[in-house]
Amino acid sequence: LRPVSLGRMAQLAEIVLEEAPEMVALCQCADKVSAMRMDPRARSSMKPDQRPESHLFAELSSFLQEAGWQHEVVGVPQEASAFCVDVSLAPKFNEKVGILLAGRSKLLQVGLPEEGHPLQNAGTLSLARRLLACHGWSTAVVTEHEWGALASPDEKKTYLEDLVRKALEEKRPRSEE
C-alpha cells in the first residue's frame, strides 16, 4: 500500500476504536485494527510538508519563531492517535493545545457563494478535532483565508491568542451558575 493509504487506514482504525469500540469487539481481526493505529509506516506517512497547506505551515512556523512562542512541529501523531496537530503549543501553555491548519480542502461553505455564508470545518477536520480531544488536546484552527488577511505581526499575535483562548475555553467545563 502507498503511505497515504496506510495513513488513512490508521485513521479509520482510530475512528472505529474511539467512536464505535463495540464494533471492534465484533470484528474477527480486532487485534489488527488496534495494531493499524500504531503502525510505524502509517504514522510516518503523516508529515506537514506533504499537506496542501505547507506554505501556510511554513509561514505560521516562521511567525511563531519570530514572536518568541515556544512550539513544536508535530510531524507524526502523538500517543496512540493516528491524527496529529500541525503545531503543538504545549511548551508555551503547559497543556495540550495545538494548531490545525485549514486550506480550502478542509473547509466548506453552505449555500451558494453569493449568499456569503462563512466557511465551516469540513467533516475530516471536525473529526480530527474530536479525536484529538479524546486524547486531551485542545485545538485551534488557523484558516488560510483568515491568516492571509492579517497584515501586521500584532494582528497575527492577537488572532492566535484569541484562537488559543477559545480552544482552551471549549475544553474546560463550564461552572454552574
N, C-alpha and C. Protein backbone atom coordinates (compact mmCIF):
# COMPACT_ATOMS: atom_id res chain seq x y z
N LEU A 1 0.83 -1.20 0.00
CA LEU A 1 0.00 0.00 0.00
C LEU A 1 0.87 1.26 0.00
N ARG A 2 0.34 2.31 -0.61
CA ARG A 2 1.03 3.60 -0.60
C ARG A 2 0.99 4.20 0.81
N PRO A 3 1.99 5.01 1.16
CA PRO A 3 2.00 5.62 2.51
C PRO A 3 0.73 6.39 2.85
N VAL A 4 0.15 7.10 1.87
CA VAL A 4 -1.07 7.86 2.13
C VAL A 4 -2.20 6.90 2.49
N SER A 5 -2.27 5.77 1.80
CA SER A 5 -3.32 4.78 2.09
C SER A 5 -3.13 4.19 3.48
N LEU A 6 -1.88 3.94 3.87
CA LEU A 6 -1.60 3.42 5.21
C LEU A 6 -2.04 4.42 6.27
N GLY A 7 -1.74 5.69 6.03
CA GLY A 7 -2.14 6.73 6.98
C GLY A 7 -3.65 6.81 7.12
N ARG A 8 -4.35 6.71 6.00
CA ARG A 8 -5.81 6.75 6.04
C ARG A 8 -6.35 5.53 6.77
N MET A 9 -5.76 4.36 6.55
CA MET A 9 -6.20 3.15 7.25
C MET A 9 -6.00 3.30 8.76
N ALA A 10 -4.89 3.89 9.17
CA ALA A 10 -4.65 4.11 10.60
C ALA A 10 -5.70 5.05 11.17
N GLN A 11 -6.06 6.08 10.40
CA GLN A 11 -7.09 6.99 10.86
C GLN A 11 -8.45 6.31 10.97
N LEU A 12 -8.78 5.47 9.99
CA LEU A 12 -10.04 4.73 10.04
C LEU A 12 -10.07 3.80 11.24
N ALA A 13 -8.93 3.16 11.52
CA ALA A 13 -8.85 2.28 12.70
C ALA A 13 -9.12 3.08 13.97
N GLU A 14 -8.53 4.27 14.06
CA GLU A 14 -8.76 5.08 15.25
C GLU A 14 -10.21 5.52 15.37
N ILE A 15 -10.82 5.88 14.26
CA ILE A 15 -12.23 6.29 14.28
C ILE A 15 -13.08 5.18 14.89
N VAL A 16 -12.87 3.97 14.42
CA VAL A 16 -13.67 2.85 14.91
C VAL A 16 -13.34 2.56 16.38
N LEU A 17 -12.05 2.58 16.72
CA LEU A 17 -11.65 2.29 18.10
C LEU A 17 -12.18 3.32 19.09
N GLU A 18 -12.23 4.57 18.70
CA GLU A 18 -12.68 5.64 19.61
C GLU A 18 -14.19 5.83 19.61
N GLU A 19 -14.80 5.74 18.43
CA GLU A 19 -16.20 6.11 18.33
C GLU A 19 -17.17 4.93 18.25
N ALA A 20 -16.66 3.74 17.99
CA ALA A 20 -17.52 2.56 17.94
C ALA A 20 -16.76 1.33 18.43
N PRO A 21 -16.24 1.38 19.65
CA PRO A 21 -15.43 0.26 20.14
C PRO A 21 -16.19 -1.06 20.18
N GLU A 22 -17.50 -1.01 20.32
CA GLU A 22 -18.28 -2.25 20.33
C GLU A 22 -18.22 -2.96 18.99
N MET A 23 -17.97 -2.22 17.90
CA MET A 23 -17.84 -2.83 16.58
C MET A 23 -16.51 -3.57 16.45
N VAL A 24 -15.48 -3.05 17.08
CA VAL A 24 -14.17 -3.71 17.06
C VAL A 24 -14.28 -5.06 17.75
N ALA A 25 -15.02 -5.10 18.85
CA ALA A 25 -15.19 -6.35 19.58
C ALA A 25 -15.87 -7.42 18.73
N LEU A 26 -16.68 -7.00 17.77
CA LEU A 26 -17.38 -7.94 16.89
C LEU A 26 -16.54 -8.36 15.68
N CYS A 27 -15.45 -7.66 15.48
CA CYS A 27 -14.59 -7.92 14.32
C CYS A 27 -13.74 -9.17 14.55
N GLN A 28 -13.57 -9.99 13.52
CA GLN A 28 -12.77 -11.20 13.69
C GLN A 28 -11.27 -10.91 13.71
N CYS A 29 -10.87 -9.71 13.35
CA CYS A 29 -9.45 -9.36 13.41
C CYS A 29 -9.26 -8.06 14.20
N ALA A 30 -9.82 -8.02 15.39
CA ALA A 30 -9.76 -6.83 16.25
C ALA A 30 -8.33 -6.44 16.57
N ASP A 31 -7.44 -7.43 16.74
CA ASP A 31 -6.05 -7.13 17.05
C ASP A 31 -5.38 -6.37 15.90
N LYS A 32 -5.75 -6.66 14.67
CA LYS A 32 -5.17 -5.97 13.51
C LYS A 32 -5.68 -4.53 13.43
N VAL A 33 -6.93 -4.32 13.82
CA VAL A 33 -7.48 -2.96 13.83
C VAL A 33 -6.71 -2.12 14.85
N SER A 34 -6.50 -2.67 16.04
CA SER A 34 -5.75 -1.95 17.07
C SER A 34 -4.31 -1.70 16.65
N ALA A 35 -3.69 -2.70 16.02
CA ALA A 35 -2.30 -2.56 15.60
C ALA A 35 -2.15 -1.54 14.48
N MET A 36 -3.14 -1.40 13.63
CA MET A 36 -3.06 -0.48 12.49
C MET A 36 -2.90 0.96 12.95
N ARG A 37 -3.55 1.31 14.07
CA ARG A 37 -3.47 2.68 14.57
C ARG A 37 -2.02 3.06 14.91
N MET A 38 -1.24 2.11 15.36
CA MET A 38 0.13 2.38 15.79
C MET A 38 1.19 1.94 14.76
N ASP A 39 0.77 1.51 13.58
CA ASP A 39 1.70 1.04 12.56
C ASP A 39 2.73 2.12 12.24
N PRO A 40 4.03 1.83 12.40
CA PRO A 40 5.06 2.85 12.16
C PRO A 40 5.07 3.40 10.74
N ARG A 41 4.77 2.55 9.77
CA ARG A 41 4.74 3.03 8.37
C ARG A 41 3.60 4.02 8.18
N ALA A 42 2.46 3.75 8.78
CA ALA A 42 1.32 4.65 8.66
C ALA A 42 1.60 5.96 9.37
N ARG A 43 2.17 5.89 10.56
CA ARG A 43 2.43 7.09 11.35
C ARG A 43 3.46 7.99 10.68
N SER A 44 4.46 7.40 10.02
CA SER A 44 5.49 8.21 9.37
C SER A 44 4.99 8.84 8.07
N SER A 45 3.83 8.40 7.58
CA SER A 45 3.30 8.96 6.34
C SER A 45 2.60 10.31 6.55
N MET A 46 2.38 10.71 7.79
CA MET A 46 1.65 11.93 8.09
C MET A 46 2.62 13.05 8.46
N LYS A 47 3.09 13.77 7.46
CA LYS A 47 4.05 14.83 7.69
C LYS A 47 3.51 16.15 7.17
N PRO A 48 3.72 17.24 7.90
CA PRO A 48 3.19 18.54 7.49
C PRO A 48 3.64 18.98 6.10
N ASP A 49 4.88 18.63 5.68
CA ASP A 49 5.36 19.12 4.39
C ASP A 49 4.67 18.44 3.21
N GLN A 50 3.88 17.40 3.47
CA GLN A 50 3.16 16.72 2.41
C GLN A 50 1.72 17.21 2.31
N ARG A 51 1.35 18.17 3.07
CA ARG A 51 -0.02 18.65 3.09
C ARG A 51 -0.19 19.83 2.14
N PRO A 52 -1.40 20.04 1.63
CA PRO A 52 -1.63 21.17 0.74
C PRO A 52 -1.36 22.52 1.40
N GLU A 53 -1.42 22.59 2.73
CA GLU A 53 -1.23 23.85 3.45
C GLU A 53 0.24 24.09 3.80
N SER A 54 1.19 23.46 3.10
CA SER A 54 2.59 23.55 3.50
C SER A 54 3.12 24.98 3.52
N HIS A 55 2.65 25.84 2.61
CA HIS A 55 3.10 27.24 2.63
C HIS A 55 2.56 27.96 3.87
N LEU A 56 1.32 27.65 4.26
CA LEU A 56 0.74 28.23 5.48
C LEU A 56 1.49 27.72 6.70
N PHE A 57 1.83 26.44 6.68
CA PHE A 57 2.60 25.83 7.76
C PHE A 57 3.94 26.55 7.92
N ALA A 58 4.65 26.77 6.81
CA ALA A 58 5.96 27.43 6.86
C ALA A 58 5.83 28.87 7.38
N GLU A 59 4.81 29.57 6.92
CA GLU A 59 4.62 30.96 7.35
C GLU A 59 4.26 31.05 8.83
N LEU A 60 3.37 30.18 9.28
CA LEU A 60 2.97 30.18 10.69
C LEU A 60 4.14 29.81 11.58
N SER A 61 4.87 28.79 11.20
CA SER A 61 6.02 28.35 11.98
C SER A 61 7.06 29.46 12.09
N SER A 62 7.30 30.14 11.00
CA SER A 62 8.25 31.26 10.99
C SER A 62 7.77 32.38 11.90
N PHE A 63 6.45 32.70 11.84
CA PHE A 63 5.90 33.74 12.69
C PHE A 63 6.05 33.39 14.16
N LEU A 64 5.72 32.15 14.51
CA LEU A 64 5.82 31.73 15.92
C LEU A 64 7.24 31.86 16.43
N GLN A 65 8.19 31.52 15.59
CA GLN A 65 9.60 31.64 15.98
C GLN A 65 9.97 33.11 16.19
N GLU A 66 9.58 33.96 15.27
CA GLU A 66 9.88 35.39 15.38
C GLU A 66 9.19 36.02 16.59
N ALA A 67 8.00 35.56 16.91
CA ALA A 67 7.23 36.10 18.03
C ALA A 67 7.71 35.55 19.38
N GLY A 68 8.59 34.57 19.33
CA GLY A 68 9.12 34.01 20.57
C GLY A 68 8.18 33.01 21.25
N TRP A 69 7.21 32.48 20.49
CA TRP A 69 6.29 31.49 21.04
C TRP A 69 6.97 30.13 21.01
N GLN A 70 7.10 29.51 22.16
CA GLN A 70 7.64 28.15 22.20
C GLN A 70 6.63 27.23 21.54
N HIS A 71 7.11 26.39 20.63
CA HIS A 71 6.22 25.46 19.93
C HIS A 71 7.02 24.28 19.41
N GLU A 72 6.30 23.26 19.01
CA GLU A 72 6.91 22.09 18.41
C GLU A 72 6.15 21.76 17.14
N VAL A 73 6.91 21.43 16.12
CA VAL A 73 6.31 20.96 14.89
C VAL A 73 6.03 19.48 15.11
N VAL A 74 4.80 19.09 14.93
CA VAL A 74 4.41 17.71 15.19
C VAL A 74 4.19 17.02 13.85
N GLY A 75 5.19 16.26 13.41
CA GLY A 75 5.10 15.61 12.12
C GLY A 75 4.41 14.27 12.18
N VAL A 76 4.51 13.58 13.28
CA VAL A 76 3.82 12.29 13.43
C VAL A 76 2.88 12.38 14.62
N PRO A 77 1.83 11.62 14.58
CA PRO A 77 0.85 11.68 15.66
C PRO A 77 1.45 11.34 17.01
N GLN A 78 0.87 11.92 18.03
CA GLN A 78 1.30 11.70 19.40
C GLN A 78 0.53 10.55 20.01
N GLU A 79 1.10 9.96 21.04
CA GLU A 79 0.47 8.90 21.82
C GLU A 79 -0.07 7.81 20.90
N ALA A 80 -1.30 7.42 21.12
CA ALA A 80 -1.90 6.34 20.35
C ALA A 80 -2.88 6.90 19.33
N SER A 81 -2.61 8.05 18.78
CA SER A 81 -3.53 8.66 17.84
C SER A 81 -2.97 8.64 16.43
N ALA A 82 -3.85 8.41 15.47
CA ALA A 82 -3.46 8.48 14.06
C ALA A 82 -3.69 9.89 13.51
N PHE A 83 -4.12 10.79 14.37
CA PHE A 83 -4.31 12.18 13.99
C PHE A 83 -3.28 13.02 14.74
N CYS A 84 -2.90 14.15 14.17
CA CYS A 84 -1.92 14.98 14.85
C CYS A 84 -2.26 16.46 14.66
N VAL A 85 -1.74 17.26 15.56
CA VAL A 85 -1.83 18.71 15.38
C VAL A 85 -0.67 19.11 14.48
N ASP A 86 -0.83 20.18 13.73
CA ASP A 86 0.25 20.64 12.87
C ASP A 86 1.35 21.30 13.69
N VAL A 87 0.94 22.06 14.70
CA VAL A 87 1.88 22.75 15.58
C VAL A 87 1.39 22.58 17.01
N SER A 88 2.27 22.12 17.87
CA SER A 88 1.93 21.99 19.28
C SER A 88 2.39 23.24 20.02
N LEU A 89 1.49 23.82 20.79
CA LEU A 89 1.83 24.97 21.62
C LEU A 89 1.95 24.57 23.09
N ALA A 90 2.06 23.26 23.32
CA ALA A 90 2.19 22.76 24.69
C ALA A 90 3.38 23.38 25.43
N PRO A 91 4.53 23.59 24.77
CA PRO A 91 5.65 24.20 25.50
C PRO A 91 5.34 25.62 26.01
N LYS A 92 4.49 26.34 25.29
CA LYS A 92 4.16 27.71 25.69
C LYS A 92 3.08 27.74 26.78
N PHE A 93 2.06 26.88 26.65
CA PHE A 93 0.91 26.95 27.54
C PHE A 93 0.89 25.88 28.62
N ASN A 94 1.86 24.99 28.62
CA ASN A 94 1.96 23.91 29.60
C ASN A 94 0.72 23.02 29.65
N GLU A 95 0.04 22.88 28.54
CA GLU A 95 -1.04 21.92 28.39
C GLU A 95 -1.17 21.58 26.92
N LYS A 96 -1.92 20.52 26.65
CA LYS A 96 -2.04 20.04 25.28
C LYS A 96 -2.94 20.97 24.47
N VAL A 97 -2.31 21.88 23.77
CA VAL A 97 -3.05 22.77 22.88
C VAL A 97 -2.26 22.83 21.57
N GLY A 98 -2.98 22.69 20.48
CA GLY A 98 -2.31 22.65 19.19
C GLY A 98 -3.07 23.40 18.13
N ILE A 99 -2.38 23.61 17.02
CA ILE A 99 -2.95 24.32 15.88
C ILE A 99 -3.12 23.33 14.74
N LEU A 100 -4.29 23.38 14.12
CA LEU A 100 -4.56 22.64 12.90
C LEU A 100 -4.69 23.66 11.78
N LEU A 101 -4.07 23.40 10.66
CA LEU A 101 -4.13 24.31 9.53
C LEU A 101 -5.23 23.88 8.58
N ALA A 102 -5.94 24.84 8.02
CA ALA A 102 -7.06 24.52 7.14
C ALA A 102 -7.00 25.36 5.87
N GLY A 103 -6.71 24.69 4.77
CA GLY A 103 -6.82 25.31 3.45
C GLY A 103 -8.22 25.03 2.91
N ARG A 104 -8.45 25.33 1.66
CA ARG A 104 -9.78 25.16 1.06
C ARG A 104 -10.28 23.72 1.13
N SER A 105 -9.36 22.75 1.07
CA SER A 105 -9.80 21.35 1.07
C SER A 105 -10.35 20.89 2.42
N LYS A 106 -10.10 21.64 3.48
CA LYS A 106 -10.58 21.24 4.81
C LYS A 106 -11.72 22.11 5.30
N LEU A 107 -12.23 22.97 4.41
CA LEU A 107 -13.33 23.86 4.77
C LEU A 107 -14.46 23.70 3.76
N LEU A 108 -15.66 24.05 4.16
CA LEU A 108 -16.77 24.03 3.22
C LEU A 108 -17.66 25.23 3.48
N GLN A 109 -18.41 25.57 2.45
CA GLN A 109 -19.34 26.69 2.56
C GLN A 109 -20.74 26.18 2.26
N VAL A 110 -21.65 26.44 3.16
CA VAL A 110 -23.04 26.02 3.00
C VAL A 110 -23.75 27.06 2.15
N GLY A 111 -24.55 26.61 1.20
CA GLY A 111 -25.30 27.53 0.36
C GLY A 111 -24.52 27.96 -0.86
N LEU A 112 -25.05 28.94 -1.55
CA LEU A 112 -24.42 29.47 -2.75
C LEU A 112 -23.34 30.47 -2.39
N PRO A 113 -22.29 30.57 -3.21
CA PRO A 113 -21.20 31.51 -2.89
C PRO A 113 -21.68 32.95 -2.72
N GLU A 114 -22.65 33.37 -3.55
CA GLU A 114 -23.11 34.76 -3.45
C GLU A 114 -23.92 35.04 -2.18
N GLU A 115 -24.32 33.98 -1.47
CA GLU A 115 -25.03 34.17 -0.20
C GLU A 115 -24.08 34.60 0.91
N GLY A 116 -22.78 34.38 0.71
CA GLY A 116 -21.78 34.87 1.65
C GLY A 116 -21.72 34.19 3.00
N HIS A 117 -22.16 32.95 3.08
CA HIS A 117 -22.07 32.22 4.36
C HIS A 117 -20.60 31.98 4.71
N PRO A 118 -20.27 32.02 5.99
CA PRO A 118 -18.87 31.80 6.39
C PRO A 118 -18.45 30.35 6.14
N LEU A 119 -17.15 30.17 5.96
CA LEU A 119 -16.60 28.83 5.79
C LEU A 119 -16.69 28.08 7.11
N GLN A 120 -16.91 26.77 7.01
CA GLN A 120 -17.00 25.91 8.19
C GLN A 120 -16.02 24.76 8.04
N ASN A 121 -15.69 24.13 9.15
CA ASN A 121 -14.82 22.96 9.10
C ASN A 121 -15.52 21.85 8.33
N ALA A 122 -14.79 21.22 7.40
CA ALA A 122 -15.32 20.05 6.71
C ALA A 122 -15.30 18.87 7.68
N GLY A 123 -15.93 17.79 7.30
CA GLY A 123 -16.06 16.63 8.17
C GLY A 123 -14.74 16.07 8.65
N THR A 124 -13.74 16.01 7.77
CA THR A 124 -12.46 15.43 8.18
C THR A 124 -11.76 16.28 9.23
N LEU A 125 -11.88 17.59 9.12
CA LEU A 125 -11.27 18.47 10.11
C LEU A 125 -12.02 18.39 11.44
N SER A 126 -13.34 18.35 11.38
CA SER A 126 -14.13 18.20 12.61
C SER A 126 -13.83 16.87 13.29
N LEU A 127 -13.69 15.83 12.49
CA LEU A 127 -13.36 14.51 13.03
C LEU A 127 -12.00 14.51 13.70
N ALA A 128 -11.01 15.11 13.05
CA ALA A 128 -9.66 15.19 13.64
C ALA A 128 -9.70 15.92 14.97
N ARG A 129 -10.44 17.03 15.04
CA ARG A 129 -10.54 17.78 16.29
C ARG A 129 -11.19 16.95 17.39
N ARG A 130 -12.24 16.22 17.03
CA ARG A 130 -12.95 15.39 18.00
C ARG A 130 -12.06 14.28 18.53
N LEU A 131 -11.32 13.62 17.64
CA LEU A 131 -10.46 12.52 18.07
C LEU A 131 -9.25 13.01 18.84
N LEU A 132 -8.71 14.16 18.48
CA LEU A 132 -7.62 14.74 19.27
C LEU A 132 -8.11 15.11 20.66
N ALA A 133 -9.35 15.58 20.75
CA ALA A 133 -9.93 15.91 22.06
C ALA A 133 -10.03 14.65 22.94
N CYS A 134 -10.26 13.50 22.32
CA CYS A 134 -10.29 12.23 23.08
C CYS A 134 -8.94 11.95 23.74
N HIS A 135 -7.87 12.50 23.17
CA HIS A 135 -6.53 12.32 23.72
C HIS A 135 -6.08 13.54 24.54
N GLY A 136 -7.05 14.41 24.88
CA GLY A 136 -6.76 15.53 25.76
C GLY A 136 -6.28 16.80 25.09
N TRP A 137 -6.36 16.87 23.76
CA TRP A 137 -5.88 18.06 23.05
C TRP A 137 -6.98 19.09 22.85
N SER A 138 -6.66 20.34 23.08
CA SER A 138 -7.50 21.46 22.66
C SER A 138 -6.91 21.91 21.33
N THR A 139 -7.77 22.19 20.36
CA THR A 139 -7.25 22.57 19.04
C THR A 139 -7.84 23.88 18.57
N ALA A 140 -6.99 24.65 17.93
CA ALA A 140 -7.38 25.89 17.28
C ALA A 140 -7.13 25.72 15.79
N VAL A 141 -8.07 26.17 14.97
CA VAL A 141 -7.94 26.03 13.52
C VAL A 141 -7.53 27.37 12.92
N VAL A 142 -6.40 27.37 12.23
CA VAL A 142 -5.93 28.55 11.51
C VAL A 142 -6.26 28.33 10.04
N THR A 143 -7.14 29.18 9.50
CA THR A 143 -7.52 29.04 8.10
C THR A 143 -6.61 29.87 7.22
N GLU A 144 -6.38 29.36 6.05
CA GLU A 144 -5.54 30.04 5.07
C GLU A 144 -6.09 31.43 4.76
N HIS A 145 -7.41 31.52 4.62
CA HIS A 145 -8.06 32.79 4.28
C HIS A 145 -7.88 33.83 5.40
N GLU A 146 -8.17 33.44 6.65
CA GLU A 146 -8.06 34.38 7.76
C GLU A 146 -6.62 34.80 8.01
N TRP A 147 -5.69 33.84 7.97
CA TRP A 147 -4.28 34.15 8.21
C TRP A 147 -3.75 35.10 7.13
N GLY A 148 -4.15 34.86 5.87
CA GLY A 148 -3.70 35.70 4.76
C GLY A 148 -4.21 37.12 4.85
N ALA A 149 -5.34 37.32 5.52
CA ALA A 149 -5.93 38.66 5.64
C ALA A 149 -5.28 39.50 6.73
N LEU A 150 -4.44 38.87 7.57
CA LEU A 150 -3.79 39.61 8.66
C LEU A 150 -2.53 40.28 8.14
N ALA A 151 -2.44 41.58 8.35
CA ALA A 151 -1.34 42.34 7.78
C ALA A 151 -0.13 42.46 8.69
N SER A 152 -0.36 42.75 9.94
CA SER A 152 0.76 43.05 10.84
C SER A 152 1.04 41.90 11.80
N PRO A 153 2.24 41.86 12.34
CA PRO A 153 2.55 40.86 13.37
C PRO A 153 1.65 40.97 14.60
N ASP A 154 1.27 42.19 14.96
CA ASP A 154 0.37 42.38 16.11
C ASP A 154 -1.00 41.75 15.84
N GLU A 155 -1.52 41.92 14.62
CA GLU A 155 -2.80 41.31 14.27
C GLU A 155 -2.70 39.79 14.33
N LYS A 156 -1.61 39.24 13.84
CA LYS A 156 -1.41 37.79 13.84
C LYS A 156 -1.31 37.26 15.27
N LYS A 157 -0.60 37.99 16.12
CA LYS A 157 -0.46 37.57 17.51
C LYS A 157 -1.82 37.58 18.22
N THR A 158 -2.59 38.65 18.03
CA THR A 158 -3.92 38.76 18.63
C THR A 158 -4.84 37.65 18.12
N TYR A 159 -4.77 37.38 16.82
CA TYR A 159 -5.58 36.32 16.21
C TYR A 159 -5.26 34.97 16.86
N LEU A 160 -3.98 34.64 16.98
CA LEU A 160 -3.58 33.36 17.59
C LEU A 160 -3.96 33.29 19.06
N GLU A 161 -3.75 34.38 19.79
CA GLU A 161 -4.12 34.39 21.21
C GLU A 161 -5.61 34.14 21.39
N ASP A 162 -6.44 34.78 20.54
CA ASP A 162 -7.90 34.58 20.62
C ASP A 162 -8.28 33.14 20.29
N LEU A 163 -7.67 32.57 19.25
CA LEU A 163 -7.97 31.19 18.87
C LEU A 163 -7.61 30.21 19.99
N VAL A 164 -6.43 30.40 20.57
CA VAL A 164 -5.98 29.51 21.64
C VAL A 164 -6.85 29.66 22.88
N ARG A 165 -7.20 30.89 23.23
CA ARG A 165 -8.07 31.13 24.39
C ARG A 165 -9.41 30.41 24.19
N LYS A 166 -10.00 30.54 23.00
CA LYS A 166 -11.28 29.89 22.71
C LYS A 166 -11.14 28.37 22.76
N ALA A 167 -10.05 27.85 22.23
CA ALA A 167 -9.83 26.39 22.24
C ALA A 167 -9.73 25.88 23.67
N LEU A 168 -9.02 26.59 24.51
CA LEU A 168 -8.88 26.18 25.91
C LEU A 168 -10.19 26.32 26.67
N GLU A 169 -10.99 27.33 26.35
CA GLU A 169 -12.28 27.50 27.00
C GLU A 169 -13.25 26.38 26.62
N GLU A 170 -13.18 25.90 25.37
CA GLU A 170 -14.04 24.80 24.94
C GLU A 170 -13.75 23.54 25.74
N LYS A 171 -12.50 23.35 26.12
CA LYS A 171 -12.09 22.15 26.84
C LYS A 171 -12.53 22.17 28.30
N ARG A 172 -12.49 23.33 28.90
CA ARG A 172 -12.82 23.44 30.32
C ARG A 172 -14.31 23.35 30.55
N PRO A 173 -14.72 22.62 31.58
CA PRO A 173 -16.15 22.55 31.87
C PRO A 173 -16.65 23.90 32.36
N ARG A 174 -17.84 24.23 31.94
CA ARG A 174 -18.45 25.50 32.38
C ARG A 174 -18.95 25.35 33.81
N SER A 175 -18.72 26.37 34.61
CA SER A 175 -19.20 26.31 36.00
C SER A 175 -20.70 26.59 36.01
N GLU A 176 -21.37 25.90 36.91
CA GLU A 176 -22.81 26.11 37.00
C GLU A 176 -23.11 27.41 37.72
N GLU A 177 -24.06 28.11 37.20
CA GLU A 177 -24.41 29.41 37.78
C GLU A 177 -25.63 29.30 38.66
